[in-house]
Amino acid sequence: MKVCAMPKEISYGSILHIDGMGSHKVVDSGGAIRWLNENKTECKVDIFIPNVSERWIINNTENRIVDAVLYIK
């Protein structure tokens, strides 16, 4: 299963379904993973993408805004 990191208030094992990217299991949190508004309806999420080159990472560091649904465990 694909995995992601979300803000610390989201329990591990929750599922985040991202439009165009599928479902990701929450397995991590961290200081850079934070809410973007007071209502906690928008947040920064880190997605783990396996088997990519260092060049791909350097060229694909832009932030994107997408719709997603969070299923909290």
PDB file of N, CA and C in Angstrom:
ATOM      1  N   MET A   1       0.839  -1.181   0.000  1.00  0.00           N
ATOM      2  CA  MET A   1       0.000   0.000   0.000  1.00  0.00           C
ATOM      3  C   MET A   1       0.884   1.243   0.000  1.00  0.00           C
ATOM      4  N   LYS A   2       0.413   2.297  -0.643  1.00  0.00           N
ATOM      5  CA  LYS A   2       1.109   3.579  -0.652  1.00  0.00           C
ATOM      6  C   LYS A   2       1.001   4.189   0.740  1.00  0.00           C
ATOM      7  N   VAL A   3       2.027   4.961   1.144  1.00  0.00           N
ATOM      8  CA  VAL A   3       2.049   5.542   2.487  1.00  0.00           C
ATOM      9  C   VAL A   3       2.296   7.045   2.424  1.00  0.00           C
ATOM     10  N   CYS A   4       1.913   7.721   3.538  1.00  0.00           N
ATOM     11  CA  CYS A   4       2.097   9.168   3.621  1.00  0.00           C
ATOM     12  C   CYS A   4       2.325   9.587   5.066  1.00  0.00           C
ATOM     13  N   ALA A   5       2.735  10.848   5.230  1.00  0.00           N
ATOM     14  CA  ALA A   5       2.862  11.465   6.549  1.00  0.00           C
ATOM     15  C   ALA A   5       1.873  12.616   6.626  1.00  0.00           C
ATOM     16  N   MET A   6       1.207  12.739   7.779  1.00  0.00           N
ATOM     17  CA  MET A   6       0.212  13.794   7.997  1.00  0.00           C
ATOM     18  C   MET A   6       0.465  14.431   9.353  1.00  0.00           C
ATOM     19  N   PRO A   7      -0.264  15.515   9.689  1.00  0.00           N
ATOM     20  CA  PRO A   7      -0.086  16.139  10.997  1.00  0.00           C
ATOM     21  C   PRO A   7      -0.286  15.142  12.139  1.00  0.00           C
ATOM     22  N   LYS A   8       0.356  15.439  13.275  1.00  0.00           N
ATOM     23  CA  LYS A   8       0.380  14.495  14.401  1.00  0.00           C
ATOM     24  C   LYS A   8      -0.999  14.163  14.964  1.00  0.00           C
ATOM     25  N   GLU A   9      -2.021  14.998  14.713  1.00  0.00           N
ATOM     26  CA  GLU A   9      -3.370  14.727  15.234  1.00  0.00           C
ATOM     27  C   GLU A   9      -4.078  13.602  14.487  1.00  0.00           C
ATOM     28  N   ILE A  10      -3.568  13.222  13.337  1.00  0.00           N
ATOM     29  CA  ILE A  10      -4.180  12.152  12.541  1.00  0.00           C
ATOM     30  C   ILE A  10      -3.569  10.816  12.967  1.00  0.00           C
ATOM     31  N   SER A  11      -4.394   9.881  13.386  1.00  0.00           N
ATOM     32  CA  SER A  11      -3.884   8.604  13.897  1.00  0.00           C
ATOM     33  C   SER A  11      -3.270   7.757  12.788  1.00  0.00           C
ATOM     34  N   TYR A  12      -2.195   7.072  13.161  1.00  0.00           N
ATOM     35  CA  TYR A  12      -1.542   6.149  12.231  1.00  0.00           C
ATOM     36  C   TYR A  12      -2.552   5.082  11.821  1.00  0.00           C
ATOM     37  N   GLY A  13      -2.477   4.679  10.565  1.00  0.00           N
ATOM     38  CA  GLY A  13      -3.404   3.687  10.054  1.00  0.00           C
ATOM     39  C   GLY A  13      -4.609   4.298   9.355  1.00  0.00           C
ATOM     40  N   SER A  14      -4.802   5.629   9.528  1.00  0.00           N
ATOM     41  CA  SER A  14      -5.875   6.296   8.797  1.00  0.00           C
ATOM     42  C   SER A  14      -5.554   6.238   7.309  1.00  0.00           C
ATOM     43  N   ILE A  15      -6.562   6.420   6.480  1.00  0.00           N
ATOM     44  CA  ILE A  15      -6.381   6.335   5.026  1.00  0.00           C
ATOM     45  C   ILE A  15      -6.704   7.685   4.400  1.00  0.00           C
ATOM     46  N   LEU A  16      -5.797   8.163   3.562  1.00  0.00           N
ATOM     47  CA  LEU A  16      -5.987   9.401   2.821  1.00  0.00           C
ATOM     48  C   LEU A  16      -6.144   9.043   1.351  1.00  0.00           C
ATOM     49  N   HIS A  17      -7.308   9.349   0.785  1.00  0.00           N
ATOM     50  CA  HIS A  17      -7.530   9.092  -0.641  1.00  0.00           C
ATOM     51  C   HIS A  17      -7.346  10.408  -1.386  1.00  0.00           C
ATOM     52  N   ILE A  18      -6.326  10.462  -2.246  1.00  0.00           N
ATOM     53  CA  ILE A  18      -5.968  11.671  -2.981  1.00  0.00           C
ATOM     54  C   ILE A  18      -6.418  11.509  -4.426  1.00  0.00           C
ATOM     55  N   ASP A  19      -7.190  12.485  -4.912  1.00  0.00           N
ATOM     56  CA  ASP A  19      -7.655  12.448  -6.303  1.00  0.00           C
ATOM     57  C   ASP A  19      -6.469  12.304  -7.248  1.00  0.00           C
ATOM     58  N   GLY A  20      -6.528  11.320  -8.120  1.00  0.00           N
ATOM     59  CA  GLY A  20      -5.490  11.101  -9.111  1.00  0.00           C
ATOM     60  C   GLY A  20      -4.278  10.347  -8.612  1.00  0.00           C
ATOM     61  N   MET A  21      -4.204  10.078  -7.289  1.00  0.00           N
ATOM     62  CA  MET A  21      -3.043   9.373  -6.738  1.00  0.00           C
ATOM     63  C   MET A  21      -3.422   8.121  -5.967  1.00  0.00           C
ATOM     64  N   GLY A  22      -4.701   7.925  -5.685  1.00  0.00           N
ATOM     65  CA  GLY A  22      -5.141   6.731  -4.971  1.00  0.00           C
ATOM     66  C   GLY A  22      -5.099   6.885  -3.462  1.00  0.00           C
ATOM     67  N   SER A  23      -5.159   5.740  -2.765  1.00  0.00           N
ATOM     68  CA  SER A  23      -5.205   5.709  -1.300  1.00  0.00           C
ATOM     69  C   SER A  23      -3.828   5.532  -0.703  1.00  0.00           C
ATOM     70  N   HIS A  24      -3.591   6.239   0.399  1.00  0.00           N
ATOM     71  CA  HIS A  24      -2.317   6.194   1.105  1.00  0.00           C
ATOM     72  C   HIS A  24      -2.587   5.983   2.594  1.00  0.00           C
ATOM     73  N   LYS A  25      -1.825   5.099   3.218  1.00  0.00           N
ATOM     74  CA  LYS A  25      -1.955   4.825   4.648  1.00  0.00           C
ATOM     75  C   LYS A  25      -1.059   5.801   5.414  1.00  0.00           C
ATOM     76  N   VAL A  26      -1.600   6.399   6.477  1.00  0.00           N
ATOM     77  CA  VAL A  26      -0.835   7.324   7.310  1.00  0.00           C
ATOM     78  C   VAL A  26       0.093   6.505   8.209  1.00  0.00           C
ATOM     79  N   VAL A  27       1.400   6.689   8.042  1.00  0.00           N
ATOM     80  CA  VAL A  27       2.374   5.926   8.821  1.00  0.00           C
ATOM     81  C   VAL A  27       3.414   6.813   9.510  1.00  0.00           C
ATOM     82  N   ASP A  28       3.255   8.140   9.391  1.00  0.00           N
ATOM     83  CA  ASP A  28       4.287   9.020   9.929  1.00  0.00           C
ATOM     84  C   ASP A  28       3.707  10.409  10.164  1.00  0.00           C
ATOM     85  N   SER A  29       4.395  11.191  10.992  1.00  0.00           N
ATOM     86  CA  SER A  29       4.085  12.603  11.193  1.00  0.00           C
ATOM     87  C   SER A  29       5.403  13.312  11.452  1.00  0.00           C
ATOM     88  N   GLY A  30       5.382  14.612  11.418  1.00  0.00           N
ATOM     89  CA  GLY A  30       6.628  15.338  11.648  1.00  0.00           C
ATOM     90  C   GLY A  30       6.398  16.829  11.694  1.00  0.00           C
ATOM     91  N   GLY A  31       7.435  17.581  12.041  1.00  0.00           N
ATOM     92  CA  GLY A  31       7.329  19.020  12.197  1.00  0.00           C
ATOM     93  C   GLY A  31       6.941  19.757  10.928  1.00  0.00           C
ATOM     94  N   ALA A  32       7.371  19.261   9.765  1.00  0.00           N
ATOM     95  CA  ALA A  32       7.046  19.926   8.501  1.00  0.00           C
ATOM     96  C   ALA A  32       5.635  19.582   8.034  1.00  0.00           C
ATOM     97  N   ILE A  33       5.041  18.588   8.654  1.00  0.00           N
ATOM     98  CA  ILE A  33       3.696  18.155   8.279  1.00  0.00           C
ATOM     99  C   ILE A  33       2.730  18.910   9.178  1.00  0.00           C
ATOM    100  N   ARG A  34       2.062  19.915   8.613  1.00  0.00           N
ATOM    101  CA  ARG A  34       1.265  20.800   9.465  1.00  0.00           C
ATOM    102  C   ARG A  34      -0.033  21.222   8.784  1.00  0.00           C
ATOM    103  N   TRP A  35      -0.950  21.696   9.616  1.00  0.00           N
ATOM    104  CA  TRP A  35      -2.205  22.242   9.121  1.00  0.00           C
ATOM    105  C   TRP A  35      -1.933  23.605   8.500  1.00  0.00           C
ATOM    106  N   LEU A  36      -2.677  23.950   7.459  1.00  0.00           N
ATOM    107  CA  LEU A  36      -2.492  25.223   6.767  1.00  0.00           C
ATOM    108  C   LEU A  36      -3.549  26.251   7.139  1.00  0.00           C
ATOM    109  N   ASN A  37      -4.574  25.825   7.906  1.00  0.00           N
ATOM    110  CA  ASN A  37      -5.606  26.770   8.345  1.00  0.00           C
ATOM    111  C   ASN A  37      -6.088  26.383   9.742  1.00  0.00           C
ATOM    112  N   GLU A  38      -6.769  27.304  10.397  1.00  0.00           N
ATOM    113  CA  GLU A  38      -7.245  27.070  11.768  1.00  0.00           C
ATOM    114  C   GLU A  38      -8.332  26.009  11.850  1.00  0.00           C
ATOM    115  N   ASN A  39      -9.100  25.828  10.779  1.00  0.00           N
ATOM    116  CA  ASN A  39     -10.185  24.840  10.775  1.00  0.00           C
ATOM    117  C   ASN A  39      -9.689  23.413  10.612  1.00  0.00           C
ATOM    118  N   LYS A  40      -8.403  23.251  10.351  1.00  0.00           N
ATOM    119  CA  LYS A  40      -7.791  21.937  10.117  1.00  0.00           C
ATOM    120  C   LYS A  40      -8.496  21.180   8.989  1.00  0.00           C
ATOM    121  N   THR A  41      -8.785  21.928   7.912  1.00  0.00           N
ATOM    122  CA  THR A  41      -9.380  21.308   6.724  1.00  0.00           C
ATOM    123  C   THR A  41      -8.394  21.253   5.569  1.00  0.00           C
ATOM    124  N   GLU A  42      -7.247  21.904   5.715  1.00  0.00           N
ATOM    125  CA  GLU A  42      -6.203  21.881   4.701  1.00  0.00           C
ATOM    126  C   GLU A  42      -4.880  21.614   5.388  1.00  0.00           C
ATOM    127  N   CYS A  43      -4.069  20.737   4.805  1.00  0.00           N
ATOM    128  CA  CYS A  43      -2.774  20.465   5.417  1.00  0.00           C
ATOM    129  C   CYS A  43      -1.745  20.087   4.373  1.00  0.00           C
ATOM    130  N   LYS A  44      -0.499  20.195   4.796  1.00  0.00           N
ATOM    131  CA  LYS A  44       0.605  19.713   3.985  1.00  0.00           C
ATOM    132  C   LYS A  44       0.738  18.221   4.268  1.00  0.00           C
ATOM    133  N   VAL A  45       0.934  17.445   3.215  1.00  0.00           N
ATOM    134  CA  VAL A  45       1.074  15.994   3.344  1.00  0.00           C
ATOM    135  C   VAL A  45       2.322  15.572   2.584  1.00  0.00           C
ATOM    136  N   ASP A  46       3.113  14.700   3.158  1.00  0.00           N
ATOM    137  CA  ASP A  46       4.245  14.124   2.443  1.00  0.00           C
ATOM    138  C   ASP A  46       3.860  12.737   1.956  1.00  0.00           C
ATOM    139  N   ILE A  47       4.091  12.493   0.679  1.00  0.00           N
ATOM    140  CA  ILE A  47       3.794  11.200   0.064  1.00  0.00           C
ATOM    141  C   ILE A  47       5.104  10.484  -0.208  1.00  0.00           C
ATOM    142  N   PHE A  48       5.207   9.234   0.204  1.00  0.00           N
ATOM    143  CA  PHE A  48       6.391   8.435  -0.094  1.00  0.00           C
ATOM    144  C   PHE A  48       6.248   7.859  -1.502  1.00  0.00           C
ATOM    145  N   ILE A  49       7.238   8.141  -2.345  1.00  0.00           N
ATOM    146  CA  ILE A  49       7.250   7.617  -3.711  1.00  0.00           C
ATOM    147  C   ILE A  49       8.516   6.775  -3.855  1.00  0.00           C
ATOM    148  N   PRO A  50       8.376   5.452  -3.905  1.00  0.00           N
ATOM    149  CA  PRO A  50       9.558   4.576  -3.952  1.00  0.00           C
ATOM    150  C   PRO A  50      10.234   4.581  -5.324  1.00  0.00           C
ATOM    151  N   ASN A  51      11.486   4.209  -5.312  1.00  0.00           N
ATOM    152  CA  ASN A  51      12.259   3.954  -6.534  1.00  0.00           C
ATOM    153  C   ASN A  51      12.335   5.145  -7.485  1.00  0.00           C
ATOM    154  N   VAL A  52      12.605   6.324  -6.959  1.00  0.00           N
ATOM    155  CA  VAL A  52      12.821   7.474  -7.829  1.00  0.00           C
ATOM    156  C   VAL A  52      14.273   7.919  -7.706  1.00  0.00           C
ATOM    157  N   SER A  53      14.769   8.522  -8.758  1.00  0.00           N
ATOM    158  CA  SER A  53      16.158   8.975  -8.765  1.00  0.00           C
ATOM    159  C   SER A  53      16.300  10.302  -8.023  1.00  0.00           C
ATOM    160  N   GLU A  54      17.525  10.620  -7.658  1.00  0.00           N
ATOM    161  CA  GLU A  54      17.797  11.900  -7.014  1.00  0.00           C
ATOM    162  C   GLU A  54      17.420  13.048  -7.951  1.00  0.00           C
ATOM    163  N   ARG A  55      17.683  12.897  -9.241  1.00  0.00           N
ATOM    164  CA  ARG A  55      17.332  13.931 -10.219  1.00  0.00           C
ATOM    165  C   ARG A  55      15.814  14.165 -10.230  1.00  0.00           C
ATOM    166  N   TRP A  56      15.008  13.083 -10.161  1.00  0.00           N
ATOM    167  CA  TRP A  56      13.551  13.230 -10.138  1.00  0.00           C
ATOM    168  C   TRP A  56      13.131  14.040  -8.921  1.00  0.00           C
ATOM    169  N   ILE A  57      13.721  13.748  -7.766  1.00  0.00           N
ATOM    170  CA  ILE A  57      13.381  14.458  -6.538  1.00  0.00           C
ATOM    171  C   ILE A  57      13.709  15.948  -6.676  1.00  0.00           C
ATOM    172  N   ILE A  58      14.881  16.261  -7.211  1.00  0.00           N
ATOM    173  CA  ILE A  58      15.289  17.659  -7.385  1.00  0.00           C
ATOM    174  C   ILE A  58      14.340  18.395  -8.322  1.00  0.00           C
ATOM    175  N   ASN A  59      13.887  17.734  -9.378  1.00  0.00           N
ATOM    176  CA  ASN A  59      13.036  18.379 -10.380  1.00  0.00           C
ATOM    177  C   ASN A  59      11.551  18.369 -10.029  1.00  0.00           C
ATOM    178  N   ASN A  60      11.144  17.677  -8.968  1.00  0.00           N
ATOM    179  CA  ASN A  60       9.724  17.559  -8.627  1.00  0.00           C
ATOM    180  C   ASN A  60       9.453  17.920  -7.177  1.00  0.00           C
ATOM    181  N   THR A  61       9.963  19.042  -6.743  1.00  0.00           N
ATOM    182  CA  THR A  61       9.778  19.454  -5.348  1.00  0.00           C
ATOM    183  C   THR A  61       8.672  20.492  -5.174  1.00  0.00           C
ATOM    184  N   GLU A  62       7.962  20.816  -6.233  1.00  0.00           N
ATOM    185  CA  GLU A  62       6.908  21.822  -6.125  1.00  0.00           C
ATOM    186  C   GLU A  62       5.730  21.289  -5.310  1.00  0.00           C
ATOM    187  N   ASN A  63       5.081  22.194  -4.615  1.00  0.00           N
ATOM    188  CA  ASN A  63       3.873  21.832  -3.883  1.00  0.00           C
ATOM    189  C   ASN A  63       2.692  21.860  -4.835  1.00  0.00           C
ATOM    190  N   ARG A  64       1.791  20.928  -4.661  1.00  0.00           N
ATOM    191  CA  ARG A  64       0.575  20.888  -5.470  1.00  0.00           C
ATOM    192  C   ARG A  64      -0.628  20.879  -4.552  1.00  0.00           C
ATOM    193  N   ILE A  65      -1.702  21.495  -4.995  1.00  0.00           N
ATOM    194  CA  ILE A  65      -2.951  21.493  -4.236  1.00  0.00           C
ATOM    195  C   ILE A  65      -3.902  20.532  -4.929  1.00  0.00           C
ATOM    196  N   VAL A  66      -4.371  19.536  -4.172  1.00  0.00           N
ATOM    197  CA  VAL A  66      -5.297  18.541  -4.713  1.00  0.00           C
ATOM    198  C   VAL A  66      -6.400  18.270  -3.697  1.00  0.00           C
ATOM    199  N   ASP A  67      -7.512  17.738  -4.177  1.00  0.00           N
ATOM    200  CA  ASP A  67      -8.591  17.330  -3.291  1.00  0.00           C
ATOM    201  C   ASP A  67      -8.312  15.938  -2.756  1.00  0.00           C
ATOM    202  N   ALA A  68      -8.711  15.711  -1.516  1.00  0.00           N
ATOM    203  CA  ALA A  68      -8.505  14.409  -0.900  1.00  0.00           C
ATOM    204  C   ALA A  68      -9.586  14.173   0.140  1.00  0.00           C
ATOM    205  N   VAL A  69      -9.787  12.905   0.493  1.00  0.00           N
ATOM    206  CA  VAL A  69     -10.727  12.502   1.537  1.00  0.00           C
ATOM    207  C   VAL A  69      -9.932  11.718   2.569  1.00  0.00           C
ATOM    208  N   LEU A  70     -10.096  12.056   3.839  1.00  0.00           N
ATOM    209  CA  LEU A  70      -9.382  11.396   4.926  1.00  0.00           C
ATOM    210  C   LEU A  70     -10.339  10.490   5.688  1.00  0.00           C
ATOM    211  N   TYR A  71      -9.964   9.215   5.812  1.00  0.00           N
ATOM    212  CA  TYR A  71     -10.732   8.249   6.602  1.00  0.00           C
ATOM    213  C   TYR A  71      -9.933   7.982   7.854  1.00  0.00           C
ATOM    214  N   ILE A  72     -10.368   8.562   8.988  1.00  0.00           N
ATOM    215  CA  ILE A  72      -9.616   8.455  10.241  1.00  0.00           C
ATOM    216  C   ILE A  72      -9.910   7.134  10.911  1.00  0.00           C
ATOM    217  N   LYS A  73      -8.847   6.485  11.323  1.00  0.00           N
ATOM    218  CA  LYS A  73      -8.952   5.186  12.008  1.00  0.00           C
ATOM    219  C   LYS A  73      -9.297   5.407  13.467  1.00  0.00           C
TER     220      LYS A  73
END
